[in-house]
């Protein structure tokens, strides 16, 4: 169906990043991991396109294996 968007697509990406980091303030490592997992599932449901989700998981895995901190197009 869809295709993974790899170009910047969030208005105010710096503000979003700041909010995302702030989401974890005051949480334990376990709580932070749980928040991340819940957020991933909520956003995956919002995307709803299984093909795009699979592409995103593959891109995230490759970035982690290559030590890349952000998605490259």
Protein backbone atom coordinates (compact mmCIF):
# COMPACT_ATOMS: atom_id res chain seq x y z
CA UNK A 1 0.00 0.00 0.00
CA UNK A 2 2.15 2.89 1.26
CA UNK A 3 5.83 3.61 1.29
CA UNK A 4 7.95 4.58 4.27
CA UNK A 5 8.61 8.33 4.39
CA UNK A 6 12.30 8.89 5.08
CA UNK A 7 12.47 12.65 4.52
CA UNK A 8 11.73 15.02 7.44
CA UNK A 9 7.95 15.15 7.78
CA UNK A 10 7.28 16.62 11.25
CA UNK A 11 6.62 20.32 11.76
CA UNK A 12 9.04 21.65 14.40
CA UNK A 13 11.19 18.51 14.63
CA UNK A 14 13.37 20.06 17.34
CA UNK A 15 10.32 20.80 19.46
CA UNK A 16 9.07 17.25 18.94
CA UNK A 17 12.45 15.83 19.96
CA UNK A 18 12.48 18.00 23.08
CA UNK A 19 8.98 16.78 23.99
CA UNK A 20 10.00 13.16 23.35
CA UNK A 21 13.05 13.48 25.60
CA UNK A 22 10.94 15.21 28.25
CA UNK A 23 8.51 12.29 28.18
CA UNK A 24 11.20 10.20 29.90
CA UNK A 25 12.18 12.69 32.61
CA UNK A 26 11.86 11.23 36.09
CA UNK A 27 11.17 7.69 34.88
CA UNK A 28 13.19 4.62 35.76
CA UNK A 29 14.89 2.74 32.95
CA UNK A 30 12.10 0.13 33.05
CA UNK A 31 9.38 2.80 32.96
CA UNK A 32 11.14 4.54 30.08
CA UNK A 33 11.32 1.29 28.11
CA UNK A 34 7.61 0.68 28.81
CA UNK A 35 6.73 4.19 27.60
CA UNK A 36 8.73 3.60 24.41
CA UNK A 37 6.98 0.28 23.78
CA UNK A 38 3.54 1.79 24.34
CA UNK A 39 4.35 4.75 22.12
CA UNK A 40 5.53 2.45 19.32
CA UNK A 41 2.32 0.43 19.50
CA UNK A 42 0.12 3.55 19.58
CA UNK A 43 1.92 5.06 16.59
CA UNK A 44 1.91 1.73 14.71
CA UNK A 45 -1.85 1.60 15.14
CA UNK A 46 -2.10 5.17 13.85
CA UNK A 47 -0.03 4.31 10.74
CA UNK A 48 -2.02 1.14 10.21
CA UNK A 49 -0.17 0.10 7.05
CA UNK A 50 1.57 -3.20 7.68
CA UNK A 51 3.96 -2.76 4.73
CA UNK A 52 5.10 0.67 5.98
CA UNK A 53 5.49 -0.69 9.51
CA UNK A 54 7.66 -3.55 8.24
CA UNK A 55 9.81 -1.09 6.27
CA UNK A 56 10.17 1.08 9.38
CA UNK A 57 11.21 -1.89 11.53
CA UNK A 58 13.77 -2.94 8.94
CA UNK A 59 15.17 0.61 8.71
CA UNK A 60 15.39 0.90 12.50
CA UNK A 61 17.15 -2.46 12.79
CA UNK A 62 19.67 -1.57 10.07
CA UNK A 63 20.38 1.79 11.71
CA UNK A 64 20.95 0.11 15.08
CA UNK A 65 23.25 -2.50 13.55
CA UNK A 66 25.24 0.24 11.79
CA UNK A 67 25.34 2.53 14.83
CA UNK A 68 23.34 5.25 13.08
CA UNK A 69 21.44 7.58 15.44
CA UNK A 70 18.88 8.85 12.96
CA UNK A 71 17.10 7.56 9.88
CA UNK A 72 18.99 8.19 6.65
CA UNK A 73 17.06 8.49 3.39
